[in-house]
Amino acid sequence: MTNARAHRMVCCIVGAGYSSVAGDPLTPNLLSAPVISSSHKGSLRFERVQKDFQAWSKDNLSNNSEQYLEELYLGKRDGFISFKAAVELIAATLSTSAAHIAGVSIRYAARVTRPSNCRAHIDFWRTVMRKFDDLVVVTTNYDFRIEQVLRHKPMKRPPTPGFYYGGLERPQILEGTALPFTVTNQQRYVELTGSIPLFKLHGSLNWSLEGGGMKLYQDMRPAFRHRGDAAIVPPLYSKQIPDWLAPVWTGAALEISRCTTWIVCGYSLPWYDRSIMKLLHDSSGNASNVYLLSPHSKNSCDRWQRVAQQAQITPLSGLPDGIDELRKAIHWER
């Protein structure tokens, strides 16, 4: 059984429902959740975006923030709100809880190298890594919740092989501010030396396009510098994916196609994510089992069956209850 299992690869497909367990807003609330600002001018900018989103929502009752972001990104929304302004608001929203805990500015509060304290997240990844030796992670999220559990380098306590950003050139050096209260371990620069590829299909709030290339940071400063300069995109059609993001999608497609098992955590495969539907459909040839961890997983089985037509679809509860169900559903043990 051990030799047979060693050839099994797992792809974890992670959405906003995963991050919500740690207190982050779900996608529909991304632009309307409580947010703090480090300045009065910042508060006014956030308020303008929120009011424009509210006005847009009245005419688009069945839509959510990702479609609003798409209109801003493609320049289809009349008015004075830019996509960059919305990016700054998103970063501030996702940093708000971390800023309260850390007692620092929102631009530095959410940090890739800060270990997670979310028990459900820790237990989820521990379960996956105990069941499989070969792991690929694909996400639509902009935040660092995955990175904070997988860690920026191999760790012994708790054990993890670490991650790197799939589709981006290596070595990957993350710039950051000096850690407080320390002289010998400032960690202004850290290298991602892990072995788990993390493909962020919509970019990340710590990525920035500078000097014709991608520059990586430990925190969300690109989203606040120049008022929303982070390298992220909303869900787009395949032909609209920018050149800088294309290697991420290409690499994700290759790795997904090698996986026999998919574990989908907190991602409902919404109808407007057509490019991701196509990516998964085209890469599903080896998929034999798809496990859905979500409070509403039973309602999305048909959508996932159309994407992975040869796979058995198994609906499970969301985090944290779905972790025990996942352990029982996957029969072999490490």
Protein backbone atom coordinates (compact mmCIF):
# COMPACT_ATOMS: atom_id res chain seq x y z
CA MET A 1 0.00 0.00 0.00
CA THR A 2 2.86 2.39 0.80
CA ASN A 3 4.41 2.11 -2.67
CA ALA A 4 1.05 2.54 -4.36
CA ARG A 5 0.22 5.55 -2.23
CA ALA A 6 3.55 7.20 -2.93
CA HIS A 7 2.47 7.66 -6.55
CA ARG A 8 -0.76 9.38 -5.54
CA MET A 9 -0.62 13.15 -5.87
CA VAL A 10 -3.07 15.58 -4.32
CA CYS A 11 -4.08 19.02 -5.49
CA CYS A 12 -5.66 21.29 -2.88
CA ILE A 13 -7.90 23.92 -4.44
CA VAL A 14 -8.53 26.68 -1.90
CA GLY A 15 -11.05 29.52 -1.93
CA ALA A 16 -12.38 32.28 0.31
CA GLY A 17 -14.30 29.84 2.51
CA TYR A 18 -10.95 28.57 3.79
CA SER A 19 -9.86 32.03 4.95
CA SER A 20 -13.25 32.85 6.48
CA VAL A 21 -12.62 30.26 9.21
CA ALA A 22 -9.79 32.53 10.44
CA GLY A 23 -12.07 35.57 10.47
CA ASP A 24 -11.62 36.98 6.96
CA PRO A 25 -14.75 38.06 5.06
CA LEU A 26 -16.24 35.88 2.36
CA THR A 27 -16.02 37.16 -1.20
CA PRO A 28 -19.47 38.87 -1.24
CA ASN A 29 -18.43 40.93 1.81
CA LEU A 30 -14.89 41.76 0.75
CA LEU A 31 -15.68 45.42 0.05
CA SER A 32 -18.22 45.98 2.81
CA ALA A 33 -16.65 44.37 5.89
CA PRO A 34 -15.35 46.45 8.83
CA VAL A 35 -11.99 48.01 8.06
CA ILE A 36 -9.45 50.22 9.83
CA SER A 37 -7.30 52.88 8.23
CA SER A 38 -4.03 54.43 9.31
CA SER A 39 -5.09 57.92 8.18
CA HIS A 40 -8.14 60.15 7.72
CA LYS A 41 -7.47 60.39 3.98
CA GLY A 42 -7.34 56.61 3.81
CA SER A 43 -10.71 56.35 5.52
CA LEU A 44 -12.21 58.72 2.97
CA ARG A 45 -10.80 56.66 0.09
CA PHE A 46 -12.22 53.46 1.57
CA GLU A 47 -15.60 55.10 2.10
CA ARG A 48 -15.77 56.21 -1.55
CA VAL A 49 -15.11 52.66 -2.78
CA GLN A 50 -17.66 51.19 -0.37
CA LYS A 51 -20.34 53.68 -1.43
CA ASP A 52 -19.69 53.01 -5.10
CA PHE A 53 -19.90 49.27 -4.51
CA GLN A 54 -23.20 49.74 -2.67
CA ALA A 55 -24.58 51.75 -5.58
CA TRP A 56 -23.39 49.11 -8.06
CA SER A 57 -24.94 46.32 -5.95
CA LYS A 58 -28.40 47.89 -6.18
CA ASP A 59 -28.34 47.38 -9.95
CA ASN A 60 -26.64 43.96 -9.75
CA LEU A 61 -28.54 42.07 -7.06
CA SER A 62 -27.32 38.61 -8.14
CA ASN A 63 -23.68 39.61 -8.43
CA ASN A 64 -20.90 40.08 -5.89
CA SER A 65 -17.68 41.96 -5.26
CA GLU A 66 -15.59 39.93 -7.72
CA GLN A 67 -17.77 41.02 -10.64
CA TYR A 68 -17.62 44.62 -9.43
CA LEU A 69 -13.83 44.31 -9.33
CA GLU A 70 -13.83 42.92 -12.87
CA GLU A 71 -15.68 46.01 -14.14
CA LEU A 72 -13.17 48.27 -12.40
CA TYR A 73 -10.22 46.28 -13.72
CA LEU A 74 -11.50 46.38 -17.31
CA GLY A 75 -12.50 50.06 -17.09
CA LYS A 76 -16.21 49.36 -17.54
CA ARG A 77 -17.36 51.21 -14.42
CA ASP A 78 -18.13 54.89 -14.96
CA GLY A 79 -17.05 57.26 -12.21
CA PHE A 80 -13.95 58.11 -10.22
CA ILE A 81 -13.25 54.77 -8.53
CA SER A 82 -10.18 52.93 -9.82
CA PHE A 83 -9.26 49.28 -9.48
CA LYS A 84 -6.19 50.36 -7.49
CA ALA A 85 -8.42 52.08 -4.92
CA ALA A 86 -10.37 48.84 -4.47
CA VAL A 87 -7.11 46.88 -4.09
CA GLU A 88 -6.05 49.15 -1.23
CA LEU A 89 -9.42 48.61 0.48
CA ILE A 90 -9.18 44.81 0.07
CA ALA A 91 -5.71 44.78 1.63
CA ALA A 92 -6.85 46.93 4.54
CA THR A 93 -9.86 44.69 5.11
CA LEU A 94 -7.75 41.53 5.15
CA SER A 95 -5.19 43.22 7.43
CA THR A 96 -7.68 44.57 9.95
CA SER A 97 -7.84 41.56 12.27
CA ALA A 98 -4.06 41.04 12.08
CA ALA A 99 -3.43 44.71 12.92
CA HIS A 100 -5.57 44.43 16.04
CA ILE A 101 -3.61 41.37 17.19
CA ALA A 102 -0.13 42.62 16.31
CA GLY A 103 -0.68 46.26 17.27
CA VAL A 104 1.09 47.55 14.14
CA SER A 105 0.19 49.39 10.93
CA ILE A 106 -2.19 47.59 8.59
CA ARG A 107 0.39 47.60 5.80
CA TYR A 108 2.78 45.45 7.88
CA ALA A 109 0.34 43.48 10.08
CA ALA A 110 -0.39 40.60 7.67
CA ARG A 111 2.99 38.93 7.14
CA VAL A 112 3.86 35.81 5.18
CA THR A 113 6.43 34.72 7.76
CA ARG A 114 4.08 35.08 10.73
CA PRO A 115 2.94 31.54 11.70
CA SER A 116 -0.78 30.83 11.71
CA ASN A 117 -2.70 30.53 14.96
CA CYS A 118 -5.84 29.16 13.29
CA ARG A 119 -6.28 25.62 14.62
CA ALA A 120 -8.62 24.56 11.79
CA HIS A 121 -6.05 25.58 9.18
CA ILE A 122 -3.20 23.85 10.99
CA ASP A 123 -5.21 20.63 11.38
CA PHE A 124 -6.34 20.70 7.75
CA TRP A 125 -2.84 20.90 6.29
CA ARG A 126 -1.45 18.45 8.81
CA THR A 127 -4.10 15.93 7.72
CA VAL A 128 -3.35 16.45 4.03
CA MET A 129 0.42 16.14 4.49
CA ARG A 130 0.01 12.97 6.55
CA LYS A 131 -2.11 11.36 3.83
CA PHE A 132 -0.04 12.41 0.80
CA ASP A 133 3.62 12.81 0.00
CA ASP A 134 3.20 14.98 -3.10
CA LEU A 135 1.15 18.16 -2.69
CA VAL A 136 0.17 20.97 -5.07
CA VAL A 137 -1.85 23.99 -3.93
CA VAL A 138 -3.96 26.22 -6.16
CA THR A 139 -5.86 29.21 -4.80
CA THR A 140 -7.97 32.16 -5.90
CA ASN A 141 -7.24 34.01 -2.63
CA TYR A 142 -5.15 37.16 -2.34
CA ASP A 143 -4.26 36.73 1.35
CA PHE A 144 -1.48 34.84 3.19
CA ARG A 145 -3.53 32.34 5.18
CA ILE A 146 -2.10 29.37 3.26
CA GLU A 147 1.48 30.63 3.39
CA GLN A 148 1.32 31.12 7.16
CA VAL A 149 0.65 27.40 7.72
CA LEU A 150 2.83 25.90 4.99
CA ARG A 151 5.66 28.29 6.06
CA HIS A 152 8.34 30.00 4.01
CA LYS A 153 10.95 27.30 4.68
CA PRO A 154 11.01 23.69 5.92
CA MET A 155 10.06 23.49 9.58
CA LYS A 156 10.33 20.72 12.17
CA ARG A 157 7.77 21.99 14.71
CA PRO A 158 5.18 21.55 13.44
CA PRO A 159 6.65 19.57 10.51
CA THR A 160 6.14 21.11 7.07
CA PRO A 161 8.29 21.08 3.91
CA GLY A 162 7.54 24.76 3.21
CA PHE A 163 6.18 26.40 0.05
CA TYR A 164 7.25 28.49 -2.92
CA TYR A 165 5.16 30.47 -5.42
CA GLY A 166 4.45 28.25 -8.41
CA GLY A 167 4.94 29.90 -11.79
CA LEU A 168 7.32 32.61 -10.56
CA GLU A 169 11.07 32.56 -11.10
CA ARG A 170 13.32 31.25 -8.36
CA PRO A 171 15.12 32.07 -6.13
CA GLN A 172 12.23 33.90 -4.50
CA ILE A 173 13.41 36.53 -2.01
CA LEU A 174 10.79 38.34 0.08
CA GLU A 175 11.62 41.82 1.35
CA GLY A 176 10.21 42.95 4.67
CA THR A 177 10.53 45.30 7.60
CA ALA A 178 12.80 44.32 10.46
CA LEU A 179 11.12 42.22 13.11
CA PRO A 180 10.60 44.19 16.33
CA PHE A 181 12.39 43.41 19.59
CA THR A 182 15.30 41.64 17.95
CA VAL A 183 18.83 42.57 16.90
CA THR A 184 20.29 39.31 15.61
CA ASN A 185 17.35 38.06 13.52
CA GLN A 186 15.98 41.04 11.64
CA GLN A 187 14.68 39.00 8.68
CA ARG A 188 14.56 41.94 6.28
CA TYR A 189 15.00 39.40 3.48
CA VAL A 190 13.75 35.81 3.49
CA GLU A 191 14.00 33.21 0.75
CA LEU A 192 11.18 30.80 -0.01
CA THR A 193 12.98 27.46 0.15
CA GLY A 194 10.07 25.05 0.53
CA SER A 195 9.05 22.27 -1.85
CA ILE A 196 5.25 22.73 -2.09
CA PRO A 197 4.22 24.82 -5.12
CA LEU A 198 1.53 27.39 -4.31
CA PHE A 199 -0.17 28.75 -7.43
CA LYS A 200 -2.05 32.00 -6.79
CA LEU A 201 -4.21 32.27 -9.91
CA HIS A 202 -5.37 35.83 -9.20
CA GLY A 203 -2.07 37.15 -7.89
CA SER A 204 -1.21 38.12 -4.33
CA LEU A 205 -1.25 41.24 -2.16
CA ASN A 206 2.50 40.88 -1.53
CA TRP A 207 3.42 40.78 -5.23
CA SER A 208 4.42 43.91 -7.14
CA LEU A 209 5.41 44.51 -10.76
CA GLU A 210 8.59 46.57 -10.63
CA GLY A 211 11.30 47.19 -13.21
CA GLY A 212 9.77 44.78 -15.69
CA GLY A 213 9.69 41.89 -13.22
CA MET A 214 7.95 40.60 -10.13
CA LYS A 215 9.11 41.75 -6.71
CA LEU A 216 7.95 39.88 -3.62
CA TYR A 217 7.36 41.21 -0.12
CA GLN A 218 6.69 39.64 3.27
CA ASP A 219 3.71 41.93 3.87
CA MET A 220 0.96 43.82 2.01
CA ARG A 221 2.88 47.03 1.41
CA PRO A 222 2.41 46.86 -2.40
CA ALA A 223 -1.34 47.27 -1.86
CA PHE A 224 -0.85 50.47 0.13
CA ARG A 225 2.12 51.96 -1.66
CA HIS A 226 0.93 54.22 -4.48
CA ARG A 227 -2.60 53.44 -3.23
CA GLY A 228 -3.12 49.96 -4.57
CA ASP A 229 -0.08 48.78 -6.50
CA ALA A 230 -0.29 45.05 -5.69
CA ALA A 231 -0.23 42.54 -8.56
CA ILE A 232 -3.71 41.05 -8.34
CA VAL A 233 -6.61 40.58 -10.75
CA PRO A 234 -10.29 39.66 -10.41
CA PRO A 235 -11.72 36.55 -12.12
CA LEU A 236 -11.15 37.04 -15.86
CA TYR A 237 -11.66 35.25 -19.15
CA SER A 238 -8.61 33.32 -20.33
CA LYS A 239 -7.79 35.84 -23.05
CA GLN A 240 -7.74 38.64 -20.47
CA ILE A 241 -5.17 37.05 -18.14
CA PRO A 242 -2.13 39.38 -18.14
CA ASP A 243 1.24 38.17 -19.40
CA TRP A 244 2.87 38.35 -15.96
CA LEU A 245 0.28 35.91 -14.57
CA ALA A 246 0.29 33.47 -17.53
CA PRO A 247 3.20 31.31 -16.18
CA VAL A 248 1.24 30.78 -12.95
CA TRP A 249 -1.73 29.42 -14.90
CA THR A 250 0.46 27.31 -17.17
CA GLY A 251 2.33 25.80 -14.22
CA ALA A 252 -0.90 25.17 -12.32
CA ALA A 253 -2.43 23.34 -15.29
CA LEU A 254 0.61 21.07 -15.58
CA GLU A 255 0.68 20.18 -11.88
CA ILE A 256 -3.10 19.67 -11.57
CA SER A 257 -3.06 17.30 -14.53
CA ARG A 258 -0.65 15.02 -12.62
CA CYS A 259 -2.90 14.71 -9.57
CA THR A 260 -5.22 11.78 -8.94
CA THR A 261 -6.92 13.40 -5.94
CA TRP A 262 -8.36 16.89 -5.54
CA ILE A 263 -9.29 18.37 -2.16
CA VAL A 264 -11.39 21.48 -2.59
CA CYS A 265 -11.60 23.65 0.51
CA GLY A 266 -13.93 26.64 0.65
CA TYR A 267 -14.24 27.13 -3.11
CA SER A 268 -17.69 26.80 -4.68
CA LEU A 269 -16.65 27.09 -8.35
CA PRO A 270 -18.88 30.13 -9.09
CA TRP A 271 -20.31 30.41 -12.58
CA TYR A 272 -18.34 33.57 -13.43
CA ASP A 273 -14.98 31.82 -12.84
CA ARG A 274 -15.14 30.42 -16.36
CA SER A 275 -11.38 30.47 -16.87
CA ILE A 276 -10.82 28.38 -13.75
CA MET A 277 -13.57 25.98 -14.82
CA LYS A 278 -11.78 25.52 -18.13
CA LEU A 279 -8.39 25.15 -16.42
CA LEU A 280 -9.69 22.43 -14.12
CA HIS A 281 -11.68 20.67 -16.84
CA ASP A 282 -8.68 20.56 -19.19
CA SER A 283 -6.44 19.28 -16.35
CA SER A 284 -8.80 16.65 -14.92
CA GLY A 285 -7.68 13.61 -16.93
CA ASN A 286 -6.04 11.82 -13.99
CA ALA A 287 -8.47 12.95 -11.29
CA SER A 288 -10.26 9.97 -9.74
CA ASN A 289 -11.48 11.49 -6.45
CA VAL A 290 -12.64 15.01 -5.61
CA TYR A 291 -13.40 15.85 -1.98
CA LEU A 292 -15.41 19.03 -1.34
CA LEU A 293 -15.03 20.71 2.07
CA SER A 294 -17.74 23.34 2.36
CA PRO A 295 -20.94 23.93 4.38
CA HIS A 296 -22.83 23.77 1.07
CA SER A 297 -20.76 21.09 -0.67
CA LYS A 298 -23.77 18.97 -1.64
CA ASN A 299 -25.15 21.86 -3.69
CA SER A 300 -22.00 22.09 -5.82
CA CYS A 301 -21.46 18.40 -6.62
CA ASP A 302 -23.04 18.68 -10.08
CA ARG A 303 -20.79 21.61 -11.03
CA TRP A 304 -17.68 19.72 -9.99
CA GLN A 305 -18.84 16.58 -11.78
CA ARG A 306 -19.05 18.54 -15.02
CA VAL A 307 -15.49 19.72 -14.48
CA ALA A 308 -13.97 16.38 -13.40
CA GLN A 309 -16.22 14.02 -15.35
CA GLN A 310 -14.38 10.77 -14.54
CA ALA A 311 -13.94 11.46 -10.83
CA GLN A 312 -15.99 10.44 -7.84
CA ILE A 313 -17.26 13.55 -6.08
CA THR A 314 -17.51 13.33 -2.28
CA PRO A 315 -19.23 16.20 -0.40
CA LEU A 316 -17.97 16.88 3.13
CA SER A 317 -18.59 19.51 5.78
CA GLY A 318 -16.60 22.72 5.84
CA LEU A 319 -13.78 23.49 8.25
CA PRO A 320 -13.29 22.39 10.96
CA ASP A 321 -15.80 19.49 10.95
CA GLY A 322 -14.81 18.39 7.46
CA ILE A 323 -11.28 17.50 8.60
CA ASP A 324 -12.37 14.36 10.48
CA GLU A 325 -14.66 13.44 7.60
CA LEU A 326 -11.74 13.80 5.20
CA ARG A 327 -9.57 11.50 7.33
CA LYS A 328 -12.26 8.82 7.20
CA ALA A 329 -12.95 9.30 3.49
CA ILE A 330 -9.31 8.76 2.54
CA HIS A 331 -8.71 5.19 3.64
CA TRP A 332 -4.97 4.71 3.49
CA GLU A 333 -2.82 5.87 6.38
CA ARG A 334 0.69 7.22 6.51
